[in-house]
Amino acid sequence: FVDNFGDGAHYLAKKMEESLKLITPGIMFE
């Protein structure tokens, strides 16, 4: 979905995913 909306959408989606993963220690592997 975000592929169709450019860098801004990619940035927001990435931040949302990272906010979840920061609760767990897996960010390095991801």
All heavy atoms as atom14 arrays in JSON, in Angstrom:
{
  "sequence": "FVDNFGDGAHYLAKKMEESLKLITPGIMFE",
  "atom14_mask": [
    [1, 1, 1, 1, 1, 1, 1, 1, 1, 1, 1, 0, 0, 0],
    [1, 1, 1, 1, 1, 1, 1, 0, 0, 0, 0, 0, 0, 0],
    [1, 1, 1, 1, 1, 1, 1, 1, 0, 0, 0, 0, 0, 0],
    [1, 1, 1, 1, 1, 1, 1, 1, 0, 0, 0, 0, 0, 0],
    [1, 1, 1, 1, 1, 1, 1, 1, 1, 1, 1, 0, 0, 0],
    [1, 1, 1, 1, 0, 0, 0, 0, 0, 0, 0, 0, 0, 0],
    [1, 1, 1, 1, 1, 1, 1, 1, 0, 0, 0, 0, 0, 0],
    [1, 1, 1, 1, 0, 0, 0, 0, 0, 0, 0, 0, 0, 0],
    [1, 1, 1, 1, 1, 0, 0, 0, 0, 0, 0, 0, 0, 0],
    [1, 1, 1, 1, 1, 1, 1, 1, 1, 1, 0, 0, 0, 0],
    [1, 1, 1, 1, 1, 1, 1, 1, 1, 1, 1, 1, 0, 0],
    [1, 1, 1, 1, 1, 1, 1, 1, 0, 0, 0, 0, 0, 0],
    [1, 1, 1, 1, 1, 0, 0, 0, 0, 0, 0, 0, 0, 0],
    [1, 1, 1, 1, 1, 1, 1, 1, 1, 0, 0, 0, 0, 0],
    [1, 1, 1, 1, 1, 1, 1, 1, 1, 0, 0, 0, 0, 0],
    [1, 1, 1, 1, 1, 1, 1, 1, 0, 0, 0, 0, 0, 0],
    [1, 1, 1, 1, 1, 1, 1, 1, 1, 0, 0, 0, 0, 0],
    [1, 1, 1, 1, 1, 1, 1, 1, 1, 0, 0, 0, 0, 0],
    [1, 1, 1, 1, 1, 1, 0, 0, 0, 0, 0, 0, 0, 0],
    [1, 1, 1, 1, 1, 1, 1, 1, 0, 0, 0, 0, 0, 0],
    [1, 1, 1, 1, 1, 1, 1, 1, 1, 0, 0, 0, 0, 0],
    [1, 1, 1, 1, 1, 1, 1, 1, 0, 0, 0, 0, 0, 0],
    [1, 1, 1, 1, 1, 1, 1, 1, 0, 0, 0, 0, 0, 0],
    [1, 1, 1, 1, 1, 1, 1, 0, 0, 0, 0, 0, 0, 0],
    [1, 1, 1, 1, 1, 1, 1, 0, 0, 0, 0, 0, 0, 0],
    [1, 1, 1, 1, 0, 0, 0, 0, 0, 0, 0, 0, 0, 0],
    [1, 1, 1, 1, 1, 1, 1, 1, 0, 0, 0, 0, 0, 0],
    [1, 1, 1, 1, 1, 1, 1, 1, 0, 0, 0, 0, 0, 0],
    [1, 1, 1, 1, 1, 1, 1, 1, 1, 1, 1, 0, 0, 0],
    [1, 1, 1, 1, 1, 1, 1, 1, 1, 0, 0, 0, 0, 0]
  ],
  "atom14_positions": [
    [[0.82, -1.21, 0.0], [0.0, 0.0, 0.0], [0.86, 1.27, 0.0], [0.66, 2.18, -0.8], [-0.92, -0.02, 1.23], [-1.77, 1.21, 1.37], [-2.9, 1.39, 0.57], [-1.45, 2.2, 2.29], [-3.68, 2.52, 0.69], [-2.23, 3.33, 2.41], [-3.35, 3.5, 1.61], [0.0, 0.0, 0.0], [0.0, 0.0, 0.0], [0.0, 0.0, 0.0]],
    [[1.85, 1.3, 0.89], [2.66, 2.52, 1.01], [3.57, 2.72, -0.19], [4.04, 3.84, -0.43], [3.48, 2.54, 2.32], [2.57, 2.5, 3.52], [4.48, 1.39, 2.35], [0.0, 0.0, 0.0], [0.0, 0.0, 0.0], [0.0, 0.0, 0.0], [0.0, 0.0, 0.0], [0.0, 0.0, 0.0], [0.0, 0.0, 0.0], [0.0, 0.0, 0.0]],
    [[3.83, 1.64, -0.95], [4.64, 1.8, -2.17], [4.02, 2.82, -3.12], [4.72, 3.46, -3.92], [4.8, 0.45, -2.88], [5.88, -0.41, -2.23], [6.68, 0.15, -1.46], [5.89, -1.63, -2.49], [0.0, 0.0, 0.0], [0.0, 0.0, 0.0], [0.0, 0.0, 0.0], [0.0, 0.0, 0.0], [0.0, 0.0, 0.0], [0.0, 0.0, 0.0]],
    [[2.7, 2.96, -3.04], [2.0, 3.86, -3.97], [1.96, 5.32, -3.48], [1.45, 6.19, -4.18], [0.57, 3.37, -4.19], [0.54, 1.98, -4.81], [1.31, 1.69, -5.71], [-0.36, 1.13, -4.33], [0.0, 0.0, 0.0], [0.0, 0.0, 0.0], [0.0, 0.0, 0.0], [0.0, 0.0, 0.0], [0.0, 0.0, 0.0], [0.0, 0.0, 0.0]],
    [[2.46, 5.57, -2.28], [2.32, 6.91, -1.7], [3.65, 7.58, -1.34], [3.69, 8.5, -0.55], [1.43, 6.83, -0.44], [0.0, 6.56, -0.78], [-0.47, 5.26, -0.88], [-0.89, 7.6, -1.04], [-1.79, 4.99, -1.21], [-2.21, 7.34, -1.37], [-2.66, 6.03, -1.46], [0.0, 0.0, 0.0], [0.0, 0.0, 0.0], [0.0, 0.0, 0.0]],
    [[4.72, 7.06, -1.88], [5.99, 7.77, -1.77], [6.68, 7.65, -0.43], [6.29, 6.9, 0.46], [0.0, 0.0, 0.0], [0.0, 0.0, 0.0], [0.0, 0.0, 0.0], [0.0, 0.0, 0.0], [0.0, 0.0, 0.0], [0.0, 0.0, 0.0], [0.0, 0.0, 0.0], [0.0, 0.0, 0.0], [0.0, 0.0, 0.0], [0.0, 0.0, 0.0]],
    [[7.75, 8.48, -0.28], [8.64, 8.39, 0.9], [7.94, 8.76, 2.19], [8.24, 8.19, 3.25], [9.85, 9.32, 0.69], [10.76, 8.83, -0.42], [10.68, 7.64, -0.75], [11.56, 9.65, -0.94], [0.0, 0.0, 0.0], [0.0, 0.0, 0.0], [0.0, 0.0, 0.0], [0.0, 0.0, 0.0], [0.0, 0.0, 0.0], [0.0, 0.0, 0.0]],
    [[7.0, 9.71, 2.13], [6.32, 10.12, 3.36], [5.56, 8.98, 4.0], [5.61, 8.78, 5.21], [0.0, 0.0, 0.0], [0.0, 0.0, 0.0], [0.0, 0.0, 0.0], [0.0, 0.0, 0.0], [0.0, 0.0, 0.0], [0.0, 0.0, 0.0], [0.0, 0.0, 0.0], [0.0, 0.0, 0.0], [0.0, 0.0, 0.0], [0.0, 0.0, 0.0]],
    [[4.85, 8.21, 3.19], [4.09, 7.07, 3.72], [5.02, 5.99, 4.24], [4.76, 5.37, 5.27], [3.19, 6.51, 2.62], [0.0, 0.0, 0.0], [0.0, 0.0, 0.0], [0.0, 0.0, 0.0], [0.0, 0.0, 0.0], [0.0, 0.0, 0.0], [0.0, 0.0, 0.0], [0.0, 0.0, 0.0], [0.0, 0.0, 0.0], [0.0, 0.0, 0.0]],
    [[6.13, 5.76, 3.52], [7.12, 4.78, 3.99], [7.65, 5.17, 5.38], [7.78, 4.34, 6.28], [8.3, 4.7, 3.01], [8.08, 3.71, 1.91], [8.14, 2.36, 2.1], [7.79, 3.9, 0.59], [7.91, 1.74, 0.95], [7.69, 2.66, 0.01], [0.0, 0.0, 0.0], [0.0, 0.0, 0.0], [0.0, 0.0, 0.0], [0.0, 0.0, 0.0]],
    [[7.93, 6.45, 5.53], [8.47, 6.94, 6.8], [7.48, 6.71, 7.95], [7.83, 6.19, 9.0], [8.79, 8.43, 6.68], [9.27, 9.05, 7.97], [10.58, 8.88, 8.42], [8.38, 9.8, 8.76], [11.0, 9.44, 9.6], [8.79, 10.37, 9.95], [10.11, 10.18, 10.37], [10.53, 10.73, 11.55], [0.0, 0.0, 0.0], [0.0, 0.0, 0.0]],
    [[6.2, 7.07, 7.72], [5.19, 6.91, 8.77], [4.98, 5.43, 9.11], [4.87, 5.07, 10.29], [3.88, 7.54, 8.32], [3.85, 9.08, 8.27], [2.55, 9.57, 7.63], [3.99, 9.65, 9.69], [0.0, 0.0, 0.0], [0.0, 0.0, 0.0], [0.0, 0.0, 0.0], [0.0, 0.0, 0.0], [0.0, 0.0, 0.0], [0.0, 0.0, 0.0]],
    [[4.93, 4.58, 8.08], [4.71, 3.15, 8.32], [5.87, 2.56, 9.1], [5.68, 1.74, 10.02], [4.54, 2.42, 6.99], [0.0, 0.0, 0.0], [0.0, 0.0, 0.0], [0.0, 0.0, 0.0], [0.0, 0.0, 0.0], [0.0, 0.0, 0.0], [0.0, 0.0, 0.0], [0.0, 0.0, 0.0], [0.0, 0.0, 0.0], [0.0, 0.0, 0.0]],
    [[7.07, 2.96, 8.74], [8.26, 2.43, 9.42], [8.26, 2.84, 10.9], [8.56, 2.05, 11.79], [9.52, 2.92, 8.72], [10.82, 2.36, 9.3], [12.01, 2.78, 8.47], [13.3, 2.23, 9.05], [13.36, 0.77, 9.05], [0.0, 0.0, 0.0], [0.0, 0.0, 0.0], [0.0, 0.0, 0.0], [0.0, 0.0, 0.0], [0.0, 0.0, 0.0]],
    [[7.9, 4.1, 11.16], [7.89, 4.57, 12.53], [6.84, 3.83, 13.36], [7.06, 3.51, 14.53], [7.6, 6.08, 12.56], [8.79, 6.93, 12.13], [9.96, 6.75, 13.09], [11.16, 7.58, 12.69], [12.32, 7.29, 13.55], [0.0, 0.0, 0.0], [0.0, 0.0, 0.0], [0.0, 0.0, 0.0], [0.0, 0.0, 0.0], [0.0, 0.0, 0.0]],
    [[5.69, 3.55, 12.76], [4.64, 2.81, 13.49], [5.12, 1.41, 13.84], [4.92, 0.92, 14.96], [3.37, 2.73, 12.63], [2.61, 4.04, 12.52], [1.15, 3.9, 11.47], [0.18, 2.73, 12.4], [0.0, 0.0, 0.0], [0.0, 0.0, 0.0], [0.0, 0.0, 0.0], [0.0, 0.0, 0.0], [0.0, 0.0, 0.0], [0.0, 0.0, 0.0]],
    [[5.77, 0.72, 12.88], [6.26, -0.63, 13.13], [7.34, -0.62, 14.2], [7.34, -1.46, 15.11], [6.79, -1.25, 11.83], [7.24, -2.7, 12.02], [7.77, -3.33, 10.73], [8.31, -2.6, 9.9], [7.64, -4.55, 10.61], [0.0, 0.0, 0.0], [0.0, 0.0, 0.0], [0.0, 0.0, 0.0], [0.0, 0.0, 0.0], [0.0, 0.0, 0.0]],
    [[8.25, 0.35, 14.11], [9.34, 0.4, 15.08], [8.84, 0.71, 16.48], [9.39, 0.22, 17.47], [10.37, 1.45, 14.65], [11.24, 0.99, 13.47], [12.28, 2.02, 13.06], [12.32, 3.1, 13.71], [13.03, 1.76, 12.11], [0.0, 0.0, 0.0], [0.0, 0.0, 0.0], [0.0, 0.0, 0.0], [0.0, 0.0, 0.0], [0.0, 0.0, 0.0]],
    [[7.8, 1.48, 16.57], [7.26, 1.8, 17.9], [6.73, 0.55, 18.59], [6.77, 0.44, 19.81], [6.14, 2.84, 17.78], [5.01, 2.3, 17.11], [0.0, 0.0, 0.0], [0.0, 0.0, 0.0], [0.0, 0.0, 0.0], [0.0, 0.0, 0.0], [0.0, 0.0, 0.0], [0.0, 0.0, 0.0], [0.0, 0.0, 0.0], [0.0, 0.0, 0.0]],
    [[6.24, -0.42, 17.79], [5.82, -1.69, 18.36], [7.03, -2.54, 18.75], [7.11, -3.09, 19.83], [4.96, -2.46, 17.36], [3.49, -2.03, 17.21], [2.85, -2.82, 16.09], [2.74, -2.24, 18.52], [0.0, 0.0, 0.0], [0.0, 0.0, 0.0], [0.0, 0.0, 0.0], [0.0, 0.0, 0.0], [0.0, 0.0, 0.0], [0.0, 0.0, 0.0]],
    [[8.01, -2.6, 17.84], [9.14, -3.5, 18.06], [10.06, -3.04, 19.18], [10.79, -3.84, 19.76], [9.93, -3.69, 16.76], [9.19, -4.56, 15.77], [9.95, -4.65, 14.48], [9.14, -5.45, 13.47], [9.7, -5.34, 12.13], [0.0, 0.0, 0.0], [0.0, 0.0, 0.0], [0.0, 0.0, 0.0], [0.0, 0.0, 0.0], [0.0, 0.0, 0.0]],
    [[10.06, -1.75, 19.45], [10.92, -1.26, 20.53], [10.49, -1.8, 21.88], [11.26, -1.76, 22.84], [10.92, 0.27, 20.54], [11.8, 0.93, 19.46], [11.58, 2.43, 19.45], [13.26, 0.59, 19.67], [0.0, 0.0, 0.0], [0.0, 0.0, 0.0], [0.0, 0.0, 0.0], [0.0, 0.0, 0.0], [0.0, 0.0, 0.0], [0.0, 0.0, 0.0]],
    [[9.25, -2.3, 21.96], [8.81, -2.92, 23.21], [9.54, -4.25, 23.42], [9.7, -4.71, 24.53], [7.27, -3.13, 23.19], [6.58, -1.78, 23.02], [6.79, -3.81, 24.46], [5.09, -1.88, 22.82], [0.0, 0.0, 0.0], [0.0, 0.0, 0.0], [0.0, 0.0, 0.0], [0.0, 0.0, 0.0], [0.0, 0.0, 0.0], [0.0, 0.0, 0.0]],
    [[9.99, -4.87, 22.33], [10.76, -6.11, 22.4], [12.19, -5.83, 21.95], [12.47, -4.82, 21.33], [10.14, -7.19, 21.5], [10.38, -6.85, 20.14], [8.66, -7.35, 21.76], [0.0, 0.0, 0.0], [0.0, 0.0, 0.0], [0.0, 0.0, 0.0], [0.0, 0.0, 0.0], [0.0, 0.0, 0.0], [0.0, 0.0, 0.0], [0.0, 0.0, 0.0]],
    [[13.13, -6.73, 22.23], [14.53, -6.48, 21.89], [14.92, -6.91, 20.49], [16.09, -7.04, 20.19], [15.26, -7.34, 22.93], [14.35, -8.49, 23.16], [12.95, -7.94, 23.04], [0.0, 0.0, 0.0], [0.0, 0.0, 0.0], [0.0, 0.0, 0.0], [0.0, 0.0, 0.0], [0.0, 0.0, 0.0], [0.0, 0.0, 0.0], [0.0, 0.0, 0.0]],
    [[13.96, -7.09, 19.59], [14.27, -7.64, 18.28], [14.63, -6.65, 17.21], [14.84, -7.02, 16.06], [0.0, 0.0, 0.0], [0.0, 0.0, 0.0], [0.0, 0.0, 0.0], [0.0, 0.0, 0.0], [0.0, 0.0, 0.0], [0.0, 0.0, 0.0], [0.0, 0.0, 0.0], [0.0, 0.0, 0.0], [0.0, 0.0, 0.0], [0.0, 0.0, 0.0]],
    [[14.73, -5.37, 17.58], [14.95, -4.35, 16.56], [16.25, -4.6, 15.77], [16.3, -4.38, 14.56], [14.94, -2.93, 17.19], [14.98, -1.84, 16.11], [16.06, -2.76, 18.19], [13.74, -1.77, 15.29], [0.0, 0.0, 0.0], [0.0, 0.0, 0.0], [0.0, 0.0, 0.0], [0.0, 0.0, 0.0], [0.0, 0.0, 0.0], [0.0, 0.0, 0.0]],
    [[17.3, -5.06, 16.45], [18.57, -5.3, 15.77], [18.42, -6.34, 14.67], [18.89, -6.15, 13.54], [19.63, -5.76, 16.76], [20.97, -6.11, 16.11], [22.17, -6.73, 17.29], [21.51, -8.36, 17.64], [0.0, 0.0, 0.0], [0.0, 0.0, 0.0], [0.0, 0.0, 0.0], [0.0, 0.0, 0.0], [0.0, 0.0, 0.0], [0.0, 0.0, 0.0]],
    [[17.74, -7.44, 14.97], [17.56, -8.5, 13.98], [16.66, -8.04, 12.84], [16.92, -8.35, 11.68], [16.99, -9.76, 14.65], [17.85, -10.29, 15.75], [17.41, -10.3, 17.07], [19.13, -10.79, 15.49], [18.2, -10.78, 18.09], [19.92, -11.27, 16.51], [19.46, -11.27, 17.82], [0.0, 0.0, 0.0], [0.0, 0.0, 0.0], [0.0, 0.0, 0.0]],
    [[15.61, -7.31, 13.17], [14.71, -6.82, 12.13], [15.44, -5.86, 11.2], [15.21, -5.86, 9.99], [13.51, -6.11, 12.78], [12.55, -7.05, 13.51], [11.55, -7.71, 12.57], [11.51, -7.36, 11.38], [10.79, -8.59, 13.04], [0.0, 0.0, 0.0], [0.0, 0.0, 0.0], [0.0, 0.0, 0.0], [0.0, 0.0, 0.0], [0.0, 0.0, 0.0]]
  ]
}
